[in-house]
Amino acid sequence: MEIDNNRIASLATHTSGQGAPVDRRNSSDGNAAGATPTPQAGDQIRLTGDAQRLKSLEQTLVSRPVVDSQRVSAVRDAIANGTFTVEPGRIAEKLLGLEQALSGTR
């Protein structure tokens, strides 16, 4: 498929307003357009119970290692000893569960 650069350039013309610079200096409150206002004394933030639980969960996850080294060691030893067994049915179930979770069809 070939892209026609002339067509793209004609879509963003100065008369259409697209591609034109935005002057953000002329806002009525002195802040740039879309800027967050400066917090005033006495402003408060309250987190919901869900937000507090998410924050706690995040802190717990950060403190845990990414890899379970004991599990890795056990699997490595089982492979080395020839005692590691592959269960195709379990693998298939896990893959299908992941696919369903990702596609939202559960």
PDB file of N, CA and C in Angstrom:
ATOM      1  N   MET A   1       0.842  -1.176   0.000  1.00  0.00           N
ATOM      2  CA  MET A   1       0.000   0.000   0.000  1.00  0.00           C
ATOM      3  C   MET A   1       0.886   1.237   0.000  1.00  0.00           C
ATOM      4  N   GLU A   2       0.608   2.144  -0.870  1.00  0.00           N
ATOM      5  CA  GLU A   2       1.408   3.362  -0.982  1.00  0.00           C
ATOM      6  C   GLU A   2       0.691   4.509  -0.287  1.00  0.00           C
ATOM      7  N   ILE A   3       1.441   5.324   0.426  1.00  0.00           N
ATOM      8  CA  ILE A   3       0.870   6.468   1.134  1.00  0.00           C
ATOM      9  C   ILE A   3       1.101   7.712   0.301  1.00  0.00           C
ATOM     10  N   ASP A   4       0.031   8.465   0.084  1.00  0.00           N
ATOM     11  CA  ASP A   4       0.100   9.692  -0.699  1.00  0.00           C
ATOM     12  C   ASP A   4       0.350  10.855   0.256  1.00  0.00           C
ATOM     13  N   ASN A   5       1.610  11.339   0.303  1.00  0.00           N
ATOM     14  CA  ASN A   5       1.967  12.424   1.209  1.00  0.00           C
ATOM     15  C   ASN A   5       1.244  13.727   0.887  1.00  0.00           C
ATOM     16  N   ASN A   6       0.909  13.962  -0.364  1.00  0.00           N
ATOM     17  CA  ASN A   6       0.204  15.187  -0.731  1.00  0.00           C
ATOM     18  C   ASN A   6      -1.178  15.222  -0.096  1.00  0.00           C
ATOM     19  N   ARG A   7      -1.844  14.086  -0.037  1.00  0.00           N
ATOM     20  CA  ARG A   7      -3.174  14.023   0.563  1.00  0.00           C
ATOM     21  C   ARG A   7      -3.084  14.303   2.061  1.00  0.00           C
ATOM     22  N   ILE A   8      -2.069  13.762   2.719  1.00  0.00           N
ATOM     23  CA  ILE A   8      -1.906  13.983   4.153  1.00  0.00           C
ATOM     24  C   ILE A   8      -1.634  15.458   4.424  1.00  0.00           C
ATOM     25  N   ALA A   9      -0.783  16.073   3.626  1.00  0.00           N
ATOM     26  CA  ALA A   9      -0.454  17.484   3.820  1.00  0.00           C
ATOM     27  C   ALA A   9      -1.683  18.365   3.631  1.00  0.00           C
ATOM     28  N   SER A  10      -2.566  18.006   2.717  1.00  0.00           N
ATOM     29  CA  SER A  10      -3.749  18.833   2.475  1.00  0.00           C
ATOM     30  C   SER A  10      -4.759  18.711   3.606  1.00  0.00           C
ATOM     31  N   LEU A  11      -4.710  17.635   4.371  1.00  0.00           N
ATOM     32  CA  LEU A  11      -5.644  17.466   5.480  1.00  0.00           C
ATOM     33  C   LEU A  11      -5.303  18.378   6.649  1.00  0.00           C
ATOM     34  N   ALA A  12      -4.036  18.691   6.835  1.00  0.00           N
ATOM     35  CA  ALA A  12      -3.606  19.530   7.958  1.00  0.00           C
ATOM     36  C   ALA A  12      -3.158  20.876   7.417  1.00  0.00           C
ATOM     37  N   THR A  13      -4.107  21.694   7.031  1.00  0.00           N
ATOM     38  CA  THR A  13      -3.782  23.023   6.511  1.00  0.00           C
ATOM     39  C   THR A  13      -3.974  24.059   7.607  1.00  0.00           C
ATOM     40  N   HIS A  14      -3.452  25.229   7.379  1.00  0.00           N
ATOM     41  CA  HIS A  14      -3.599  26.306   8.361  1.00  0.00           C
ATOM     42  C   HIS A  14      -5.049  26.762   8.449  1.00  0.00           C
ATOM     43  N   THR A  15      -5.813  26.623   7.406  1.00  0.00           N
ATOM     44  CA  THR A  15      -7.209  27.056   7.449  1.00  0.00           C
ATOM     45  C   THR A  15      -8.076  26.076   8.208  1.00  0.00           C
ATOM     46  N   SER A  16      -7.653  24.826   8.320  1.00  0.00           N
ATOM     47  CA  SER A  16      -8.457  23.842   9.050  1.00  0.00           C
ATOM     48  C   SER A  16      -8.234  23.947  10.550  1.00  0.00           C
ATOM     49  N   GLY A  17      -7.184  24.631  10.956  1.00  0.00           N
ATOM     50  CA  GLY A  17      -6.882  24.757  12.376  1.00  0.00           C
ATOM     51  C   GLY A  17      -6.008  23.625  12.881  1.00  0.00           C
ATOM     52  N   GLN A  18      -5.878  22.584  12.100  1.00  0.00           N
ATOM     53  CA  GLN A  18      -5.038  21.473  12.510  1.00  0.00           C
ATOM     54  C   GLN A  18      -3.600  21.796  12.183  1.00  0.00           C
ATOM     55  N   GLY A  19      -2.731  21.502  13.092  1.00  0.00           N
ATOM     56  CA  GLY A  19      -1.317  21.748  12.874  1.00  0.00           C
ATOM     57  C   GLY A  19      -0.903  23.167  13.211  1.00  0.00           C
ATOM     58  N   ALA A  20      -1.854  24.027  13.555  1.00  0.00           N
ATOM     59  CA  ALA A  20      -1.523  25.407  13.900  1.00  0.00           C
ATOM     60  C   ALA A  20      -1.059  25.465  15.351  1.00  0.00           C
ATOM     61  N   PRO A  21      -0.087  26.306  15.662  1.00  0.00           N
ATOM     62  CA  PRO A  21       0.377  26.416  17.040  1.00  0.00           C
ATOM     63  C   PRO A  21      -0.726  26.953  17.945  1.00  0.00           C
ATOM     64  N   VAL A  22      -0.696  26.561  19.191  1.00  0.00           N
ATOM     65  CA  VAL A  22      -1.685  26.995  20.164  1.00  0.00           C
ATOM     66  C   VAL A  22      -1.031  27.996  21.094  1.00  0.00           C
ATOM     67  N   ASP A  23      -1.657  29.145  21.257  1.00  0.00           N
ATOM     68  CA  ASP A  23      -1.146  30.163  22.173  1.00  0.00           C
ATOM     69  C   ASP A  23      -1.787  29.935  23.527  1.00  0.00           C
ATOM     70  N   ARG A  24      -1.003  29.496  24.485  1.00  0.00           N
ATOM     71  CA  ARG A  24      -1.531  29.172  25.804  1.00  0.00           C
ATOM     72  C   ARG A  24      -1.295  30.307  26.803  1.00  0.00           C
ATOM     73  N   ARG A  25      -0.766  31.416  26.366  1.00  0.00           N
ATOM     74  CA  ARG A  25      -0.458  32.507  27.283  1.00  0.00           C
ATOM     75  C   ARG A  25      -1.675  33.343  27.626  1.00  0.00           C
ATOM     76  N   ASN A  26      -2.751  33.253  26.880  1.00  0.00           N
ATOM     77  CA  ASN A  26      -3.887  34.137  27.062  1.00  0.00           C
ATOM     78  C   ASN A  26      -5.019  33.505  27.861  1.00  0.00           C
ATOM     79  N   SER A  27      -4.716  32.661  28.853  1.00  0.00           N
ATOM     80  CA  SER A  27      -5.799  32.076  29.634  1.00  0.00           C
ATOM     81  C   SER A  27      -6.185  33.034  30.745  1.00  0.00           C
ATOM     82  N   SER A  28      -7.435  32.964  31.184  1.00  0.00           N
ATOM     83  CA  SER A  28      -7.949  33.933  32.143  1.00  0.00           C
ATOM     84  C   SER A  28      -7.398  33.752  33.549  1.00  0.00           C
ATOM     85  N   ASP A  29      -6.990  32.510  33.948  1.00  0.00           N
ATOM     86  CA  ASP A  29      -6.513  32.311  35.300  1.00  0.00           C
ATOM     87  C   ASP A  29      -5.002  32.405  35.424  1.00  0.00           C
ATOM     88  N   GLY A  30      -4.303  32.674  34.344  1.00  0.00           N
ATOM     89  CA  GLY A  30      -2.863  32.836  34.395  1.00  0.00           C
ATOM     90  C   GLY A  30      -2.128  31.530  34.182  1.00  0.00           C
ATOM     91  N   ASN A  31      -2.821  30.398  34.267  1.00  0.00           N
ATOM     92  CA  ASN A  31      -2.193  29.101  34.029  1.00  0.00           C
ATOM     93  C   ASN A  31      -2.292  28.760  32.562  1.00  0.00           C
ATOM     94  N   ALA A  32      -1.396  27.913  32.101  1.00  0.00           N
ATOM     95  CA  ALA A  32      -1.481  27.432  30.733  1.00  0.00           C
ATOM     96  C   ALA A  32      -2.738  26.589  30.595  1.00  0.00           C
ATOM     97  N   ALA A  33      -3.301  26.571  29.399  1.00  0.00           N
ATOM     98  CA  ALA A  33      -4.507  25.789  29.162  1.00  0.00           C
ATOM     99  C   ALA A  33      -4.243  24.339  29.496  1.00  0.00           C
ATOM    100  N   GLY A  34      -5.123  23.737  30.278  1.00  0.00           N
ATOM    101  CA  GLY A  34      -4.968  22.338  30.637  1.00  0.00           C
ATOM    102  C   GLY A  34      -4.028  22.105  31.800  1.00  0.00           C
ATOM    103  N   ALA A  35      -3.422  23.161  32.334  1.00  0.00           N
ATOM    104  CA  ALA A  35      -2.490  22.996  33.441  1.00  0.00           C
ATOM    105  C   ALA A  35      -3.270  22.767  34.730  1.00  0.00           C
ATOM    106  N   THR A  36      -2.688  22.028  35.633  1.00  0.00           N
ATOM    107  CA  THR A  36      -3.317  21.768  36.918  1.00  0.00           C
ATOM    108  C   THR A  36      -3.142  22.978  37.810  1.00  0.00           C
ATOM    109  N   PRO A  37      -4.222  23.438  38.444  1.00  0.00           N
ATOM    110  CA  PRO A  37      -4.096  24.593  39.319  1.00  0.00           C
ATOM    111  C   PRO A  37      -3.217  24.274  40.521  1.00  0.00           C
ATOM    112  N   THR A  38      -2.578  25.304  41.051  1.00  0.00           N
ATOM    113  CA  THR A  38      -1.715  25.150  42.213  1.00  0.00           C
ATOM    114  C   THR A  38      -2.579  24.851  43.435  1.00  0.00           C
ATOM    115  N   PRO A  39      -2.230  23.817  44.216  1.00  0.00           N
ATOM    116  CA  PRO A  39      -3.028  23.512  45.409  1.00  0.00           C
ATOM    117  C   PRO A  39      -2.996  24.664  46.401  1.00  0.00           C
ATOM    118  N   GLN A  40      -4.107  24.929  47.021  1.00  0.00           N
ATOM    119  CA  GLN A  40      -4.214  25.989  48.011  1.00  0.00           C
ATOM    120  C   GLN A  40      -4.096  25.376  49.403  1.00  0.00           C
ATOM    121  N   ALA A  41      -3.760  26.196  50.380  1.00  0.00           N
ATOM    122  CA  ALA A  41      -3.669  25.734  51.765  1.00  0.00           C
ATOM    123  C   ALA A  41      -5.022  25.167  52.174  1.00  0.00           C
ATOM    124  N   GLY A  42      -5.007  24.033  52.844  1.00  0.00           N
ATOM    125  CA  GLY A  42      -6.257  23.417  53.292  1.00  0.00           C
ATOM    126  C   GLY A  42      -6.804  22.382  52.323  1.00  0.00           C
ATOM    127  N   ASP A  43      -6.217  22.254  51.117  1.00  0.00           N
ATOM    128  CA  ASP A  43      -6.657  21.215  50.183  1.00  0.00           C
ATOM    129  C   ASP A  43      -6.343  19.858  50.777  1.00  0.00           C
ATOM    130  N   GLN A  44      -7.253  18.916  50.597  1.00  0.00           N
ATOM    131  CA  GLN A  44      -7.055  17.584  51.141  1.00  0.00           C
ATOM    132  C   GLN A  44      -7.357  16.545  50.083  1.00  0.00           C
ATOM    133  N   ILE A  45      -6.700  15.405  50.235  1.00  0.00           N
ATOM    134  CA  ILE A  45      -6.952  14.269  49.359  1.00  0.00           C
ATOM    135  C   ILE A  45      -7.350  13.105  50.251  1.00  0.00           C
ATOM    136  N   ARG A  46      -8.440  12.461  49.905  1.00  0.00           N
ATOM    137  CA  ARG A  46      -8.864  11.272  50.633  1.00  0.00           C
ATOM    138  C   ARG A  46      -8.971  10.111  49.660  1.00  0.00           C
ATOM    139  N   LEU A  47      -8.302   9.018  49.993  1.00  0.00           N
ATOM    140  CA  LEU A  47      -8.341   7.834  49.151  1.00  0.00           C
ATOM    141  C   LEU A  47      -9.503   6.946  49.575  1.00  0.00           C
ATOM    142  N   THR A  48     -10.163   6.339  48.603  1.00  0.00           N
ATOM    143  CA  THR A  48     -11.228   5.400  48.913  1.00  0.00           C
ATOM    144  C   THR A  48     -10.615   4.130  49.489  1.00  0.00           C
ATOM    145  N   GLY A  49     -11.441   3.279  50.052  1.00  0.00           N
ATOM    146  CA  GLY A  49     -10.955   2.010  50.587  1.00  0.00           C
ATOM    147  C   GLY A  49     -10.282   1.171  49.515  1.00  0.00           C
ATOM    148  N   ASP A  50     -10.860   1.165  48.313  1.00  0.00           N
ATOM    149  CA  ASP A  50     -10.263   0.410  47.201  1.00  0.00           C
ATOM    150  C   ASP A  50      -8.888   0.964  46.842  1.00  0.00           C
ATOM    151  N   ALA A  51      -8.766   2.274  46.813  1.00  0.00           N
ATOM    152  CA  ALA A  51      -7.479   2.888  46.478  1.00  0.00           C
ATOM    153  C   ALA A  51      -6.441   2.576  47.540  1.00  0.00           C
ATOM    154  N   GLN A  52      -6.844   2.564  48.791  1.00  0.00           N
ATOM    155  CA  GLN A  52      -5.910   2.235  49.873  1.00  0.00           C
ATOM    156  C   GLN A  52      -5.464   0.780  49.773  1.00  0.00           C
ATOM    157  N   ARG A  53      -6.392  -0.120  49.440  1.00  0.00           N
ATOM    158  CA  ARG A  53      -6.031  -1.535  49.280  1.00  0.00           C
ATOM    159  C   ARG A  53      -5.099  -1.722  48.086  1.00  0.00           C
ATOM    160  N   LEU A  54      -5.352  -1.013  46.999  1.00  0.00           N
ATOM    161  CA  LEU A  54      -4.470  -1.095  45.829  1.00  0.00           C
ATOM    162  C   LEU A  54      -3.071  -0.593  46.171  1.00  0.00           C
ATOM    163  N   LYS A  55      -2.983   0.480  46.923  1.00  0.00           N
ATOM    164  CA  LYS A  55      -1.685   1.024  47.326  1.00  0.00           C
ATOM    165  C   LYS A  55      -0.943   0.016  48.203  1.00  0.00           C
ATOM    166  N   SER A  56      -1.661  -0.624  49.128  1.00  0.00           N
ATOM    167  CA  SER A  56      -1.062  -1.629  49.994  1.00  0.00           C
ATOM    168  C   SER A  56      -0.589  -2.828  49.180  1.00  0.00           C
ATOM    169  N   LEU A  57      -1.406  -3.258  48.220  1.00  0.00           N
ATOM    170  CA  LEU A  57      -1.040  -4.378  47.353  1.00  0.00           C
ATOM    171  C   LEU A  57       0.196  -4.039  46.526  1.00  0.00           C
ATOM    172  N   GLU A  58       0.248  -2.812  46.023  1.00  0.00           N
ATOM    173  CA  GLU A  58       1.407  -2.375  45.242  1.00  0.00           C
ATOM    174  C   GLU A  58       2.679  -2.441  46.083  1.00  0.00           C
ATOM    175  N   GLN A  59       2.605  -1.987  47.323  1.00  0.00           N
ATOM    176  CA  GLN A  59       3.773  -2.020  48.198  1.00  0.00           C
ATOM    177  C   GLN A  59       4.197  -3.454  48.503  1.00  0.00           C
ATOM    178  N   THR A  60       3.219  -4.351  48.662  1.00  0.00           N
ATOM    179  CA  THR A  60       3.525  -5.758  48.909  1.00  0.00           C
ATOM    180  C   THR A  60       4.213  -6.374  47.702  1.00  0.00           C
ATOM    181  N   LEU A  61       3.697  -6.085  46.504  1.00  0.00           N
ATOM    182  CA  LEU A  61       4.287  -6.641  45.284  1.00  0.00           C
ATOM    183  C   LEU A  61       5.693  -6.121  45.038  1.00  0.00           C
ATOM    184  N   VAL A  62       5.936  -4.864  45.347  1.00  0.00           N
ATOM    185  CA  VAL A  62       7.263  -4.283  45.152  1.00  0.00           C
ATOM    186  C   VAL A  62       8.286  -4.967  46.052  1.00  0.00           C
ATOM    187  N   SER A  63       7.851  -5.374  47.247  1.00  0.00           N
ATOM    188  CA  SER A  63       8.782  -5.976  48.187  1.00  0.00           C
ATOM    189  C   SER A  63       9.081  -7.447  47.877  1.00  0.00           C
ATOM    190  N   ARG A  64       8.285  -8.068  47.022  1.00  0.00           N
ATOM    191  CA  ARG A  64       8.502  -9.484  46.686  1.00  0.00           C
ATOM    192  C   ARG A  64       9.412  -9.620  45.479  1.00  0.00           C
ATOM    193  N   PRO A  65      10.183 -10.695  45.444  1.00  0.00           N
ATOM    194  CA  PRO A  65      11.035 -10.916  44.265  1.00  0.00           C
ATOM    195  C   PRO A  65      10.182 -11.264  43.044  1.00  0.00           C
ATOM    196  N   VAL A  66      10.692 -10.941  41.881  1.00  0.00           N
ATOM    197  CA  VAL A  66       9.976 -11.191  40.635  1.00  0.00           C
ATOM    198  C   VAL A  66       9.905 -12.689  40.352  1.00  0.00           C
ATOM    199  N   VAL A  67      10.927 -13.428  40.743  1.00  0.00           N
ATOM    200  CA  VAL A  67      11.026 -14.853  40.475  1.00  0.00           C
ATOM    201  C   VAL A  67      11.053 -15.610  41.798  1.00  0.00           C
ATOM    202  N   ASP A  68      10.277 -16.693  41.871  1.00  0.00           N
ATOM    203  CA  ASP A  68      10.304 -17.566  43.043  1.00  0.00           C
ATOM    204  C   ASP A  68      11.495 -18.497  42.891  1.00  0.00           C
ATOM    205  N   SER A  69      12.604 -18.131  43.511  1.00  0.00           N
ATOM    206  CA  SER A  69      13.844 -18.880  43.316  1.00  0.00           C
ATOM    207  C   SER A  69      13.756 -20.306  43.850  1.00  0.00           C
ATOM    208  N   GLN A  70      12.958 -20.543  44.892  1.00  0.00           N
ATOM    209  CA  GLN A  70      12.795 -21.905  45.398  1.00  0.00           C
ATOM    210  C   GLN A  70      12.089 -22.780  44.364  1.00  0.00           C
ATOM    211  N   ARG A  71      11.071 -22.229  43.724  1.00  0.00           N
ATOM    212  CA  ARG A  71      10.331 -22.987  42.702  1.00  0.00           C
ATOM    213  C   ARG A  71      11.241 -23.266  41.512  1.00  0.00           C
ATOM    214  N   VAL A  72      12.004 -22.291  41.086  1.00  0.00           N
ATOM    215  CA  VAL A  72      12.938 -22.469  39.968  1.00  0.00           C
ATOM    216  C   VAL A  72      13.951 -23.555  40.301  1.00  0.00           C
ATOM    217  N   SER A  73      14.468 -23.535  41.525  1.00  0.00           N
ATOM    218  CA  SER A  73      15.442 -24.531  41.943  1.00  0.00           C
ATOM    219  C   SER A  73      14.830 -25.934  41.955  1.00  0.00           C
ATOM    220  N   ALA A  74      13.589 -26.042  42.442  1.00  0.00           N
ATOM    221  CA  ALA A  74      12.916 -27.342  42.479  1.00  0.00           C
ATOM    222  C   ALA A  74      12.681 -27.890  41.072  1.00  0.00           C
ATOM    223  N   VAL A  75      12.257 -27.041  40.154  1.00  0.00           N
ATOM    224  CA  VAL A  75      12.030 -27.482  38.767  1.00  0.00           C
ATOM    225  C   VAL A  75      13.359 -27.852  38.114  1.00  0.00           C
ATOM    226  N   ARG A  76      14.391 -27.058  38.351  1.00  0.00           N
ATOM    227  CA  ARG A  76      15.711 -27.349  37.785  1.00  0.00           C
ATOM    228  C   ARG A  76      16.217 -28.703  38.269  1.00  0.00           C
ATOM    229  N   ASP A  77      16.052 -28.976  39.566  1.00  0.00           N
ATOM    230  CA  ASP A  77      16.480 -30.259  40.124  1.00  0.00           C
ATOM    231  C   ASP A  77      15.670 -31.417  39.541  1.00  0.00           C
ATOM    232  N   ALA A  78      14.359 -31.230  39.403  1.00  0.00           N
ATOM    233  CA  ALA A  78      13.501 -32.279  38.842  1.00  0.00           C
ATOM    234  C   ALA A  78      13.884 -32.586  37.402  1.00  0.00           C
ATOM    235  N   ILE A  79      14.204 -31.565  36.624  1.00  0.00           N
ATOM    236  CA  ILE A  79      14.636 -31.779  35.231  1.00  0.00           C
ATOM    237  C   ILE A  79      15.966 -32.521  35.219  1.00  0.00           C
ATOM    238  N   ALA A  80      16.890 -32.105  36.069  1.00  0.00           N
ATOM    239  CA  ALA A  80      18.213 -32.741  36.123  1.00  0.00           C
ATOM    240  C   ALA A  80      18.107 -34.203  36.555  1.00  0.00           C
ATOM    241  N   ASN A  81      17.188 -34.517  37.459  1.00  0.00           N
ATOM    242  CA  ASN A  81      17.015 -35.878  37.952  1.00  0.00           C
ATOM    243  C   ASN A  81      16.149 -36.742  37.044  1.00  0.00           C
ATOM    244  N   GLY A  82      15.488 -36.114  36.069  1.00  0.00           N
ATOM    245  CA  GLY A  82      14.593 -36.864  35.184  1.00  0.00           C
ATOM    246  C   GLY A  82      13.238 -37.148  35.809  1.00  0.00           C
ATOM    247  N   THR A  83      12.904 -36.440  36.888  1.00  0.00           N
ATOM    248  CA  THR A  83      11.617 -36.669  37.550  1.00  0.00           C
ATOM    249  C   THR A  83      10.573 -35.614  37.200  1.00  0.00           C
ATOM    250  N   PHE A  84      10.935 -34.654  36.392  1.00  0.00           N
ATOM    251  CA  PHE A  84       9.980 -33.611  36.000  1.00  0.00           C
ATOM    252  C   PHE A  84       9.027 -34.185  34.962  1.00  0.00           C
ATOM    253  N   THR A  85       7.740 -34.047  35.218  1.00  0.00           N
ATOM    254  CA  THR A  85       6.746 -34.564  34.268  1.00  0.00           C
ATOM    255  C   THR A  85       5.982 -33.408  33.647  1.00  0.00           C
ATOM    256  N   VAL A  86       5.732 -33.542  32.374  1.00  0.00           N
ATOM    257  CA  VAL A  86       4.952 -32.548  31.636  1.00  0.00           C
ATOM    258  C   VAL A  86       3.520 -33.058  31.567  1.00  0.00           C
ATOM    259  N   GLU A  87       2.572 -32.206  31.960  1.00  0.00           N
ATOM    260  CA  GLU A  87       1.160 -32.567  31.927  1.00  0.00           C
ATOM    261  C   GLU A  87       0.473 -31.742  30.841  1.00  0.00           C
ATOM    262  N   PRO A  88       0.351 -32.310  29.630  1.00  0.00           N
ATOM    263  CA  PRO A  88      -0.219 -31.555  28.511  1.00  0.00           C
ATOM    264  C   PRO A  88      -1.628 -31.041  28.787  1.00  0.00           C
ATOM    265  N   GLY A  89      -2.443 -31.818  29.467  1.00  0.00           N
ATOM    266  CA  GLY A  89      -3.811 -31.375  29.771  1.00  0.00           C
ATOM    267  C   GLY A  89      -3.831 -30.142  30.650  1.00  0.00           C
ATOM    268  N   ARG A  90      -2.969 -30.112  31.646  1.00  0.00           N
ATOM    269  CA  ARG A  90      -2.888 -28.954  32.543  1.00  0.00           C
ATOM    270  C   ARG A  90      -2.376 -27.720  31.792  1.00  0.00           C
ATOM    271  N   ILE A  91      -1.388 -27.932  30.936  1.00  0.00           N
ATOM    272  CA  ILE A  91      -0.854 -26.824  30.133  1.00  0.00           C
ATOM    273  C   ILE A  91      -1.951 -26.261  29.233  1.00  0.00           C
ATOM    274  N   ALA A  92      -2.712 -27.154  28.595  1.00  0.00           N
ATOM    275  CA  ALA A  92      -3.801 -26.720  27.704  1.00  0.00           C
ATOM    276  C   ALA A  92      -4.856 -25.943  28.478  1.00  0.00           C
ATOM    277  N   GLU A  93      -5.223 -26.421  29.667  1.00  0.00           N
ATOM    278  CA  GLU A  93      -6.215 -25.719  30.486  1.00  0.00           C
ATOM    279  C   GLU A  93      -5.729 -24.314  30.851  1.00  0.00           C
ATOM    280  N   LYS A  94      -4.474 -24.213  31.239  1.00  0.00           N
ATOM    281  CA  LYS A  94      -3.919 -22.908  31.615  1.00  0.00           C
ATOM    282  C   LYS A  94      -3.883 -21.953  30.412  1.00  0.00           C
ATOM    283  N   LEU A  95      -3.497 -22.481  29.247  1.00  0.00           N
ATOM    284  CA  LEU A  95      -3.468 -21.649  28.039  1.00  0.00           C
ATOM    285  C   LEU A  95      -4.869 -21.175  27.661  1.00  0.00           C
ATOM    286  N   LEU A  96      -5.839 -22.068  27.742  1.00  0.00           N
ATOM    287  CA  LEU A  96      -7.220 -21.684  27.424  1.00  0.00           C
ATOM    288  C   LEU A  96      -7.743 -20.662  28.433  1.00  0.00           C
ATOM    289  N   GLY A  97      -7.426 -20.854  29.705  1.00  0.00           N
ATOM    290  CA  GLY A  97      -7.839 -19.896  30.714  1.00  0.00           C
ATOM    291  C   GLY A  97      -7.237 -18.521  30.484  1.00  0.00           C
ATOM    292  N   LEU A  98      -5.973 -18.497  30.098  1.00  0.00           N
ATOM    293  CA  LEU A  98      -5.315 -17.230  29.782  1.00  0.00           C
ATOM    294  C   LEU A  98      -5.952 -16.567  28.573  1.00  0.00           C
ATOM    295  N   GLU A  99      -6.221 -17.341  27.543  1.00  0.00           N
ATOM    296  CA  GLU A  99      -6.850 -16.806  26.337  1.00  0.00           C
ATOM    297  C   GLU A  99      -8.229 -16.226  26.659  1.00  0.00           C
ATOM    298  N   GLN A 100      -9.002 -16.940  27.465  1.00  0.00           N
ATOM    299  CA  GLN A 100     -10.329 -16.461  27.837  1.00  0.00           C
ATOM    300  C   GLN A 100     -10.227 -15.189  28.670  1.00  0.00           C
ATOM    301  N   ALA A 101      -9.275 -15.139  29.576  1.00  0.00           N
ATOM    302  CA  ALA A 101      -9.096 -13.952  30.414  1.00  0.00           C
ATOM    303  C   ALA A 101      -8.696 -12.745  29.566  1.00  0.00           C
ATOM    304  N   LEU A 102      -7.825 -12.965  28.601  1.00  0.00           N
ATOM    305  CA  LEU A 102      -7.371 -11.853  27.755  1.00  0.00           C
ATOM    306  C   LEU A 102      -8.449 -11.377  26.796  1.00  0.00           C
ATOM    307  N   SER A 103      -9.288 -12.290  26.332  1.00  0.00           N
ATOM    308  CA  SER A 103     -10.316 -11.900  25.367  1.00  0.00           C
ATOM    309  C   SER A 103     -11.614 -11.508  26.050  1.00  0.00           C
ATOM    310  N   GLY A 104     -11.724 -11.753  27.362  1.00  0.00           N
ATOM    311  CA  GLY A 104     -12.918 -11.343  28.099  1.00  0.00           C
ATOM    312  C   GLY A 104     -14.134 -12.201  27.826  1.00  0.00           C
ATOM    313  N   THR A 105     -13.954 -13.432  27.377  1.00  0.00           N
ATOM    314  CA  THR A 105     -15.087 -14.294  27.035  1.00  0.00           C
ATOM    315  C   THR A 105     -15.434 -15.290  28.120  1.00  0.00           C
ATOM    316  N   ARG A 106     -14.895 -15.097  29.263  1.00  0.00           N
ATOM    317  CA  ARG A 106     -15.117 -16.051  30.349  1.00  0.00           C
ATOM    318  C   ARG A 106     -16.506 -16.004  30.866  1.00  0.00           C
TER     319      ARG A 106
END
